Protein backbone atom coordinates (compact mmCIF):
# COMPACT_ATOMS: atom_id res chain seq x y z
CA UNK A 1 -64.82 -38.40 -34.63
CA UNK A 2 -62.06 -40.91 -33.87
CA UNK A 3 -61.08 -41.22 -37.52
CA UNK A 4 -60.75 -37.40 -37.86
CA UNK A 5 -58.49 -37.22 -34.80
CA UNK A 6 -56.31 -40.02 -36.17
CA UNK A 7 -56.06 -38.31 -39.52
CA UNK A 8 -54.98 -35.02 -37.89
CA UNK A 9 -52.37 -36.89 -35.84
CA UNK A 10 -50.93 -38.51 -38.96
CA UNK A 11 -50.78 -35.09 -40.74
CA UNK A 12 -48.95 -33.54 -37.79
CA UNK A 13 -46.43 -36.39 -37.75
CA UNK A 14 -45.79 -35.99 -41.48
CA UNK A 15 -45.29 -32.21 -41.09
CA UNK A 16 -42.89 -32.76 -38.13
CA UNK A 17 -40.97 -35.32 -40.16
CA UNK A 18 -40.63 -32.94 -43.14
CA UNK A 19 -39.48 -30.12 -40.86
CA UNK A 20 -36.96 -32.42 -39.24
CA UNK A 21 -35.63 -33.46 -42.60
CA UNK A 22 -35.40 -29.79 -43.73
CA UNK A 23 -33.43 -28.98 -40.56
CA UNK A 24 -31.09 -31.95 -41.21
CA UNK A 25 -30.64 -30.84 -44.82
CA UNK A 26 -30.06 -27.26 -43.71
CA UNK A 27 -27.50 -28.39 -41.11
CA UNK A 28 -25.66 -30.51 -43.68
CA UNK A 29 -25.62 -27.63 -46.19
CA UNK A 30 -24.34 -25.08 -43.73
CA UNK A 31 -21.77 -27.51 -42.33
CA UNK A 32 -20.52 -28.29 -45.81
CA UNK A 33 -20.36 -24.64 -46.91
CA UNK A 34 -18.62 -23.37 -43.82
CA UNK A 35 -16.16 -26.28 -43.85
CA UNK A 36 -15.32 -25.44 -47.48
CA UNK A 37 -14.75 -21.79 -46.55
CA UNK A 38 -12.65 -22.89 -43.59
CA UNK A 39 -10.38 -25.11 -45.74
CA UNK A 40 -9.97 -22.31 -48.27
CA UNK A 41 -9.07 -19.95 -45.40
CA UNK A 42 -11.68 -17.47 -46.68
CA UNK A 43 -12.10 -16.04 -43.23
CA UNK A 44 -14.13 -12.93 -44.05
CA UNK A 45 -16.73 -14.79 -46.08
CA UNK A 46 -16.91 -17.50 -43.38
CA UNK A 47 -17.59 -14.85 -40.72
CA UNK A 48 -20.18 -13.10 -42.83
CA UNK A 49 -22.04 -16.31 -43.69
CA UNK A 50 -21.69 -17.61 -40.15
CA UNK A 51 -23.25 -14.43 -38.69
CA UNK A 52 -26.18 -14.78 -41.08
CA UNK A 53 -26.74 -18.43 -40.16
CA UNK A 54 -26.65 -17.60 -36.46
CA UNK A 55 -29.17 -14.76 -36.90
CA UNK A 56 -31.54 -17.27 -38.45
CA UNK A 57 -31.18 -19.54 -35.46
CA UNK A 58 -28.65 -22.03 -36.85
CA UNK A 59 -25.74 -22.77 -34.54
CA UNK A 60 -23.76 -25.92 -33.83
CA UNK A 61 -20.36 -26.98 -32.45
CA UNK A 62 -18.26 -26.84 -35.61
CA UNK A 63 -19.75 -23.52 -36.62
CA UNK A 64 -18.55 -22.07 -33.29
CA UNK A 65 -15.09 -23.62 -33.83
CA UNK A 66 -14.73 -22.35 -37.41
CA UNK A 67 -15.96 -18.83 -36.60
CA UNK A 68 -13.79 -18.74 -33.52
CA UNK A 69 -10.67 -19.62 -35.55
CA UNK A 70 -11.76 -17.20 -38.31
CA UNK A 71 -11.97 -14.39 -35.77
CA UNK A 72 -8.54 -15.41 -34.43
CA UNK A 73 -7.03 -15.28 -37.89
CA UNK A 74 -8.49 -11.84 -38.57
CA UNK A 75 -7.27 -10.40 -35.25
CA UNK A 76 -10.61 -10.24 -33.43
CA UNK A 77 -9.17 -12.06 -30.49
CA UNK A 78 -11.87 -11.24 -27.98
CA UNK A 79 -14.60 -12.55 -30.27
CA UNK A 80 -12.46 -15.61 -30.81
CA UNK A 81 -12.39 -16.04 -26.99
CA UNK A 82 -16.17 -15.90 -26.74
CA UNK A 83 -16.83 -18.45 -29.50
CA UNK A 84 -14.01 -20.80 -28.58
CA UNK A 85 -15.11 -20.75 -24.96
CA UNK A 86 -18.61 -21.79 -26.12
CA UNK A 87 -17.08 -24.59 -28.20
CA UNK A 88 -14.83 -25.71 -25.32
CA UNK A 89 -17.83 -25.95 -23.01
CA UNK A 90 -19.46 -28.35 -25.47
CA UNK A 91 -16.40 -30.49 -26.02
CA UNK A 92 -13.49 -30.14 -23.56
CA UNK A 93 -11.27 -32.66 -25.40
CA UNK A 94 -10.79 -30.95 -28.74
CA UNK A 95 -7.07 -30.01 -28.74
CA UNK A 96 -7.51 -27.64 -31.69
CA UNK A 97 -10.01 -25.61 -29.73
CA UNK A 98 -7.80 -25.72 -26.63
CA UNK A 99 -4.75 -24.45 -28.63
CA UNK A 100 -6.53 -21.53 -30.31
CA UNK A 101 -8.33 -20.58 -27.05
CA UNK A 102 -5.09 -20.44 -25.09
CA UNK A 103 -3.47 -18.07 -27.64
CA UNK A 104 -6.67 -16.04 -28.04
CA UNK A 105 -6.47 -15.33 -24.31
CA UNK A 106 -2.85 -14.21 -24.54
CA UNK A 107 -3.28 -12.03 -27.66
CA UNK A 108 -6.27 -10.41 -25.90
CA UNK A 109 -4.09 -9.45 -22.95
CA UNK A 110 -5.83 -11.95 -20.70
CA UNK A 111 -2.61 -13.52 -19.50
CA UNK A 112 -3.82 -14.81 -16.17
CA UNK A 113 -6.83 -16.37 -17.91
CA UNK A 114 -4.49 -18.17 -20.30
CA UNK A 115 -2.35 -19.43 -17.49
CA UNK A 116 -5.39 -20.77 -15.60
CA UNK A 117 -6.63 -22.46 -18.81
CA UNK A 118 -3.18 -23.99 -19.38
CA UNK A 119 -3.72 -26.40 -16.47
CA UNK A 120 -6.90 -27.69 -18.17
CA UNK A 121 -5.24 -28.34 -21.51
CA UNK A 122 -4.19 -31.66 -23.01
CA UNK A 123 -0.78 -32.84 -21.84
CA UNK A 124 0.56 -32.81 -25.40
CA UNK A 125 -0.33 -29.07 -25.70
CA UNK A 126 1.17 -28.33 -22.33
CA UNK A 127 4.47 -29.88 -23.40
CA UNK A 128 4.36 -27.94 -26.69
CA UNK A 129 3.77 -24.62 -24.99
CA UNK A 130 6.00 -25.31 -22.01
CA UNK A 131 4.59 -22.60 -19.67
CA UNK A 132 6.94 -21.97 -16.77
CA UNK A 133 6.03 -19.67 -13.92
CA UNK A 134 9.06 -17.62 -12.93
CA UNK A 135 9.48 -16.47 -9.32
CA UNK A 136 10.81 -13.20 -10.84
CA UNK A 137 9.03 -12.78 -14.15
CA UNK A 138 9.85 -9.13 -14.73
CA UNK A 139 12.09 -6.34 -13.42
CA UNK A 140 11.38 -2.64 -14.12
CA UNK A 141 13.33 0.56 -13.45
CA UNK A 142 11.81 4.01 -13.92
CA UNK A 143 12.55 7.65 -13.53
CA UNK A 144 10.17 10.64 -13.52
CA UNK A 145 11.75 14.09 -13.65
CA UNK A 146 9.36 16.74 -12.41
CA UNK A 147 9.82 20.56 -12.61
CA UNK A 148 7.86 23.72 -11.93
CA UNK A 149 7.57 25.55 -15.24
CA UNK A 150 6.95 28.89 -13.50
CA UNK A 151 9.69 28.49 -10.92
CA UNK A 152 11.92 31.44 -11.84
CA UNK A 153 8.99 33.82 -12.12
CA UNK A 154 7.59 32.68 -8.79
CA UNK A 155 10.90 33.36 -7.01
CA UNK A 156 10.71 37.08 -7.76
CA UNK A 157 7.01 37.82 -8.14
CA UNK A 158 4.50 37.10 -5.40
CA UNK A 159 1.73 39.03 -7.21
CA UNK A 160 0.74 40.69 -3.88
CA UNK A 161 2.73 43.74 -2.65
CA UNK A 162 0.08 45.16 -0.28
CA UNK A 163 0.18 42.59 2.49
CA UNK A 164 2.53 40.34 4.43
CA UNK A 165 2.01 36.74 3.34
CA UNK A 166 3.81 33.45 2.87
CA UNK A 167 3.55 30.40 0.63
CA UNK A 168 5.22 27.08 -0.22
CA UNK A 169 5.84 25.74 -3.71
CA UNK A 170 7.83 23.12 -5.57
CA UNK A 171 11.14 23.60 -7.30
CA UNK A 172 11.54 20.07 -8.65
CA UNK A 173 11.53 16.43 -7.60
CA UNK A 174 12.55 13.11 -9.10
CA UNK A 175 10.78 9.78 -8.78
CA UNK A 176 13.10 6.75 -8.96
CA UNK A 177 11.48 3.34 -9.02
CA UNK A 178 12.48 -0.34 -9.01
CA UNK A 179 9.82 -2.99 -9.35
CA UNK A 180 9.62 -6.79 -9.36
CA UNK A 181 6.83 -9.05 -10.71
CA UNK A 182 6.34 -12.55 -9.35
CA UNK A 183 4.18 -15.47 -10.48
CA UNK A 184 3.29 -17.59 -7.45
CA UNK A 185 0.60 -19.64 -9.21
CA UNK A 186 -1.32 -19.85 -12.46
CA UNK A 187 -4.12 -17.64 -11.10
CA UNK A 188 -2.04 -15.18 -9.11
CA UNK A 189 0.27 -12.29 -10.02
CA UNK A 190 2.16 -10.25 -7.48
CA UNK A 191 3.91 -6.99 -8.24
CA UNK A 192 5.72 -4.70 -5.82
CA UNK A 193 7.83 -1.54 -6.22
CA UNK A 194 10.07 0.71 -4.19
CA UNK A 195 10.08 4.42 -4.92
CA UNK A 196 12.38 7.15 -3.70
CA UNK A 197 11.42 10.83 -4.28
CA UNK A 198 13.98 13.54 -3.43
CA UNK A 199 12.33 17.01 -3.47
CA UNK A 200 13.49 20.60 -3.61
CA UNK A 201 11.01 23.12 -2.20
CA UNK A 202 10.70 26.77 -1.46
CA UNK A 203 9.25 28.71 1.47
CA UNK A 204 8.57 32.30 0.45
CA UNK A 205 7.75 35.31 2.53
CA UNK A 206 6.50 38.58 1.06
CA UNK A 207 6.57 41.66 3.31
CA UNK A 208 4.88 44.51 1.46
CA UNK A 209 6.64 43.64 -1.75
CA UNK A 210 9.97 42.54 -0.29
CA UNK A 211 10.42 38.87 -1.06
CA UNK A 212 12.56 36.36 0.93
CA UNK A 213 13.03 32.78 -0.30
CA UNK A 214 14.10 29.90 1.90
CA UNK A 215 15.20 26.80 0.03
CA UNK A 216 14.78 23.44 1.72
CA UNK A 217 14.61 19.72 0.83
CA UNK A 218 12.56 16.66 1.51
CA UNK A 219 12.52 12.95 0.64
CA UNK A 220 9.66 10.47 0.37
CA UNK A 221 9.90 6.70 0.15
CA UNK A 222 7.02 4.54 -1.06
CA UNK A 223 6.48 0.80 -1.05
CA UNK A 224 3.69 -0.42 -3.30
CA UNK A 225 2.33 -3.97 -3.51
CA UNK A 226 -0.50 -5.38 -5.68
CA UNK A 227 -1.84 -8.90 -5.91
CA UNK A 228 -4.08 -9.86 -8.84
CA UNK A 229 -6.27 -12.96 -8.67
CA UNK A 230 -8.02 -14.62 -11.59
CA UNK A 231 -11.43 -15.72 -10.21
CA UNK A 232 -12.56 -17.52 -13.36
CA UNK A 233 -14.82 -16.56 -16.29
CA UNK A 234 -12.71 -13.45 -16.80
CA UNK A 235 -13.35 -12.00 -13.34
CA UNK A 236 -10.33 -10.46 -11.51
CA UNK A 237 -9.67 -9.13 -8.05
CA UNK A 238 -6.83 -6.74 -7.26
CA UNK A 239 -5.80 -5.98 -3.69
CA UNK A 240 -3.14 -3.34 -3.11
CA UNK A 241 -1.39 -1.34 -0.38
CA UNK A 242 0.98 1.64 -0.41
CA UNK A 243 3.21 2.62 2.52
CA UNK A 244 4.58 6.14 2.41
CA UNK A 245 7.37 7.46 4.62
CA UNK A 246 8.89 10.91 4.29
CA UNK A 247 10.61 13.90 5.82
CA UNK A 248 11.47 17.46 5.06
CA UNK A 249 13.65 20.12 6.66
CA UNK A 250 12.21 21.71 9.80
CA UNK A 251 12.23 25.38 8.85
CA UNK A 252 12.35 26.39 12.51
CA UNK A 253 15.75 24.68 12.94
CA UNK A 254 17.63 26.74 10.37
CA UNK A 255 21.08 27.97 11.32
CA UNK A 256 22.89 30.52 9.19
CA UNK A 257 26.61 29.93 8.67
CA UNK A 258 28.16 32.59 6.52
CA UNK A 259 25.96 32.84 3.40
CA UNK A 260 24.41 29.37 3.81
CA UNK A 261 21.35 28.18 5.76
CA UNK A 262 21.46 24.71 7.26
CA UNK A 263 18.64 22.83 9.02
CA UNK A 264 19.42 20.67 12.01
CA UNK A 265 16.05 18.88 12.32
CA UNK A 266 13.58 17.03 10.12
CA UNK A 267 9.81 16.77 10.16
CA UNK A 268 8.77 13.18 9.62
CA UNK A 269 5.47 11.75 8.40
CA UNK A 270 3.98 8.39 7.33
CA UNK A 271 0.80 7.55 5.42
CA UNK A 272 -0.94 4.42 4.22
CA UNK A 273 -3.22 3.48 1.32
CA UNK A 274 -5.30 0.24 1.11
CA UNK A 275 -7.58 -0.62 -1.77
CA UNK A 276 -9.19 -3.20 -4.02
CA UNK A 277 -10.58 -3.49 -7.56
CA UNK A 278 -13.04 -6.00 -8.97
CA UNK A 279 -13.00 -6.35 -12.79
CA UNK A 280 -14.89 -8.22 -15.47
CA UNK A 281 -13.51 -8.55 -19.00
CA UNK A 282 -16.06 -9.12 -21.82
CA UNK A 283 -15.93 -9.21 -25.60
CA UNK A 284 -16.27 -5.46 -26.18
CA UNK A 285 -15.47 -3.86 -22.80
CA UNK A 286 -13.93 -4.31 -19.41
CA UNK A 287 -15.66 -2.90 -16.26
CA UNK A 288 -14.00 -2.18 -12.98
CA UNK A 289 -15.20 -0.99 -9.60
CA UNK A 290 -12.63 0.27 -7.08
CA UNK A 291 -12.59 1.34 -3.45
CA UNK A 292 -9.70 2.58 -1.32
CA UNK A 293 -8.90 4.11 2.03
CA UNK A 294 -5.99 6.44 2.77
CA UNK A 295 -4.81 8.96 5.37
CA UNK A 296 -2.73 11.23 3.22
CA UNK A 297 -1.51 14.53 4.67
CA UNK A 298 -3.21 13.82 8.00
CA UNK A 299 -6.71 13.54 6.53
CA UNK A 300 -8.90 10.45 6.02
CA UNK A 301 -9.93 9.67 2.43
CA UNK A 302 -12.43 7.17 1.14
CA UNK A 303 -12.38 6.83 -2.62
CA UNK A 304 -14.77 4.83 -4.85
CA UNK A 305 -15.14 4.77 -8.59
CA UNK A 306 -15.94 3.04 -11.84
CA UNK A 307 -13.72 2.50 -14.85
CA UNK A 308 -14.39 1.13 -18.33
CA UNK A 309 -12.22 0.13 -21.26
CA UNK A 310 -13.82 -0.38 -24.65
CA UNK A 311 -12.72 -2.81 -27.40
CA UNK A 312 -14.72 -1.65 -30.45
CA UNK A 313 -12.76 -3.99 -32.80
CA UNK A 314 -12.98 -6.93 -30.40
CA UNK A 315 -9.23 -6.70 -29.86
CA UNK A 316 -6.77 -4.43 -28.14
CA UNK A 317 -5.73 -2.40 -31.27
CA UNK A 318 -7.78 0.64 -30.29
CA UNK A 319 -8.91 0.91 -26.67
CA UNK A 320 -10.78 4.07 -25.49
CA UNK A 321 -11.00 4.23 -21.68
CA UNK A 322 -12.53 6.38 -18.98
CA UNK A 323 -13.37 6.58 -15.30
CA UNK A 324 -15.02 8.73 -12.67
CA UNK A 325 -13.95 8.76 -9.04
CA UNK A 326 -15.60 10.06 -5.92
CA UNK A 327 -13.36 11.16 -3.02
CA UNK A 328 -14.72 11.82 0.44
CA UNK A 329 -12.23 13.46 2.81
CA UNK A 330 -12.66 14.28 6.50
CA UNK A 331 -10.99 14.92 9.83
CA UNK A 332 -12.96 15.89 12.95
CA UNK A 333 -15.34 18.67 11.86
CA UNK A 334 -13.73 19.17 8.43
CA UNK A 335 -15.19 17.35 5.42
CA UNK A 336 -14.93 17.64 1.65
CA UNK A 337 -16.28 15.70 -1.30
CA UNK A 338 -15.01 15.92 -4.85
CA UNK A 339 -15.15 14.21 -8.23
CA UNK A 340 -12.30 13.38 -10.61
CA UNK A 341 -12.81 12.36 -14.28
CA UNK A 342 -10.25 10.77 -16.55
CA UNK A 343 -10.20 9.32 -20.01
CA UNK A 344 -8.10 8.65 -23.07
CA UNK A 345 -7.30 6.20 -25.82
CA UNK A 346 -4.59 3.56 -26.34
CA UNK A 347 -3.41 2.29 -29.70
CA UNK A 348 -1.56 -1.03 -29.41
CA UNK A 349 0.42 -3.10 -31.89
CA UNK A 350 2.90 -5.92 -31.37
CA UNK A 351 5.85 -3.55 -31.42
CA UNK A 352 4.57 -0.26 -30.05
CA UNK A 353 1.77 1.28 -27.93
CA UNK A 354 0.69 4.87 -27.76
CA UNK A 355 -1.57 6.12 -24.99
CA UNK A 356 -3.01 9.63 -24.63
CA UNK A 357 -4.83 10.59 -21.43
CA UNK A 358 -6.44 13.44 -19.57
CA UNK A 359 -7.63 13.88 -15.97
CA UNK A 360 -9.72 16.78 -14.68
CA UNK A 361 -11.20 17.63 -11.34
CA UNK A 362 -9.90 18.30 -7.85
CA UNK A 363 -6.94 15.91 -7.95
CA UNK A 364 -5.63 16.05 -4.38
CA UNK A 365 -4.96 13.15 -1.99
CA UNK A 366 -6.04 10.99 -4.87
CA UNK A 367 -5.37 7.33 -5.82
CA UNK A 368 -5.01 6.21 -9.46
CA UNK A 369 -4.06 3.10 -11.47
CA UNK A 370 -4.87 0.53 -8.81
CA UNK A 371 -2.79 2.45 -6.26
CA UNK A 372 0.39 2.65 -8.35
CA UNK A 373 0.02 6.44 -8.61
CA UNK A 374 -0.65 8.54 -5.50
CA UNK A 375 -1.24 12.31 -5.72
CA UNK A 376 -0.27 13.61 -2.24
CA UNK A 377 1.26 16.98 -3.03
CA UNK A 378 -0.16 19.80 -0.93
CA UNK A 379 -0.89 21.75 -4.09
CA UNK A 380 -4.09 20.79 -5.91
CA UNK A 381 -3.84 19.41 -9.46
CA UNK A 382 -6.73 20.84 -11.50
CA UNK A 383 -5.97 18.91 -14.66
CA UNK A 384 -3.32 16.68 -16.23
CA UNK A 385 -2.77 15.90 -19.90
CA UNK A 386 -0.12 13.52 -21.24
CA UNK A 387 0.99 10.73 -23.54
CA UNK A 388 3.10 7.59 -23.14
CA UNK A 389 4.88 5.58 -25.84
CA UNK A 390 5.97 2.01 -25.15
CA UNK A 391 8.21 0.05 -27.46
CA UNK A 392 8.58 -3.76 -27.21
CA UNK A 393 11.97 -5.20 -28.05
CA UNK A 394 12.09 -8.95 -27.56
CA UNK A 395 12.40 -9.28 -23.78
CA UNK A 396 12.66 -5.56 -23.15
CA UNK A 397 10.00 -2.87 -22.95
CA UNK A 398 10.96 0.84 -23.22
CA UNK A 399 8.72 3.61 -22.00
CA UNK A 400 8.78 7.34 -22.73
CA UNK A 401 6.14 9.74 -21.54
CA UNK A 402 5.27 13.34 -20.80
CA UNK A 403 2.49 15.05 -18.85
CA UNK A 404 1.58 18.62 -18.03
CA UNK A 405 -0.23 19.41 -14.78
CA UNK A 406 -2.05 22.65 -13.94
CA UNK A 407 -1.49 23.25 -10.25
CA UNK A 408 -3.27 25.47 -7.74
CA UNK A 409 -2.26 26.44 -4.22
CA UNK A 410 -2.76 29.23 -1.70
CA UNK A 411 -0.63 31.84 0.11
CA UNK A 412 -1.57 32.89 3.63
CA UNK A 413 -1.55 36.51 4.78
CA UNK A 414 -0.84 37.80 8.29
CA UNK A 415 -4.59 38.19 8.59
CA UNK A 416 -5.08 34.47 7.74
CA UNK A 417 -6.56 35.37 4.33
CA UNK A 418 -6.06 32.84 1.53
CA UNK A 419 -4.96 33.99 -1.92
CA UNK A 420 -4.74 31.46 -4.70
CA UNK A 421 -1.80 31.14 -7.13
CA UNK A 422 -1.24 28.82 -10.05
CA UNK A 423 1.65 27.22 -11.82
CA UNK A 424 2.35 24.44 -14.30
CA UNK A 425 4.21 21.20 -13.46
CA UNK A 426 5.93 19.17 -16.14
CA UNK A 427 6.72 15.40 -15.82
CA UNK A 428 9.13 13.53 -18.08
CA UNK A 429 8.69 9.72 -17.72
CA UNK A 430 11.37 7.15 -18.59
CA UNK A 431 11.33 3.44 -17.92
CA UNK A 432 12.59 0.01 -18.98
CA UNK A 433 11.16 -3.40 -18.19
CA UNK A 434 12.85 -6.73 -18.63
CA UNK A 435 10.59 -9.80 -18.90
CA UNK A 436 11.52 -13.45 -18.76
């Protein structure tokens, strides 16, 4: 019995030794083949063979490095990030890995991640890159010209000649913005912007088909601030606030002088928005969850939502995106809940970006783009469709965009009956950004 057990043990040791030798031979073969492909810069074959080896369970440090660099060379920067991060975690002193990983972060649009990683890099690479955090890293100026496409028609046609009613609607407004971007530390970005919005509006009375238009003006000022924090491992936290101050002519203070009507008083208002976004960037997608509180137009809003951006090519060349948002609005006994859906696709190259987008739902007292866009018009936006082109010229970025909004509002009769009316609002977007 003892002899049989000893014989079995010897056989097992022999089998284990043979398997170990086969593994060593396999490792040496794969290492040699992939190194040869790497030296020849045959990136596509290297990636194909490397994937096959990994599927069969073979993986090691230099395979991660070579496949990471191969993905970088073929423009799959997010895949390069994944593999080079794995390699870096195995050997934090390889300057080649550090160099490629830093630039993979930047070409993937993960700028804060690259800046955080910069502090971990070898001193020789830090001197070579020479990263310098500017107190003012960017300045942007923008203009949005907004107009009511149905304005002339609405001045003369109330579509209701059988009652006495009144309504308010937009003539046009402009949005003029100036923004500054600051880098306070490697893991923090701070952006703030001042916006001034002069408006021209119309109060219209219809008395059994006889229309009277009163033209008045308003101005709104907004201050927007957003701080972005890199939390590590491609997690990010955004905290933002918007302060809104505005006024418009008090229609009860109108004084007629000759043929002109002047207003002696203003109606003032102020609103606030506070919010935050937590995001995680991965190889093929980026997930975000947002929450905000606001008191726009005298009502209380709580908004929560989820957003996703997809990277099907493991880079930022083509990026489909979408989100859904839930808005709960209340004041005293009044309450309302609504959903807003948005989506689009961005096509990005080194010199130009093209983004098409669409938003549908009850877009009213609504927060978008991490608080940088606030929909606080009294009229409800039922949908918005648009496109933006951005051109990158050395240190300058030029932006041109257009959007069309389908608006809905209500007139009020002398019997307090509501009658809906619709119009289209056009927005022409222009902007320029200078970056250091």
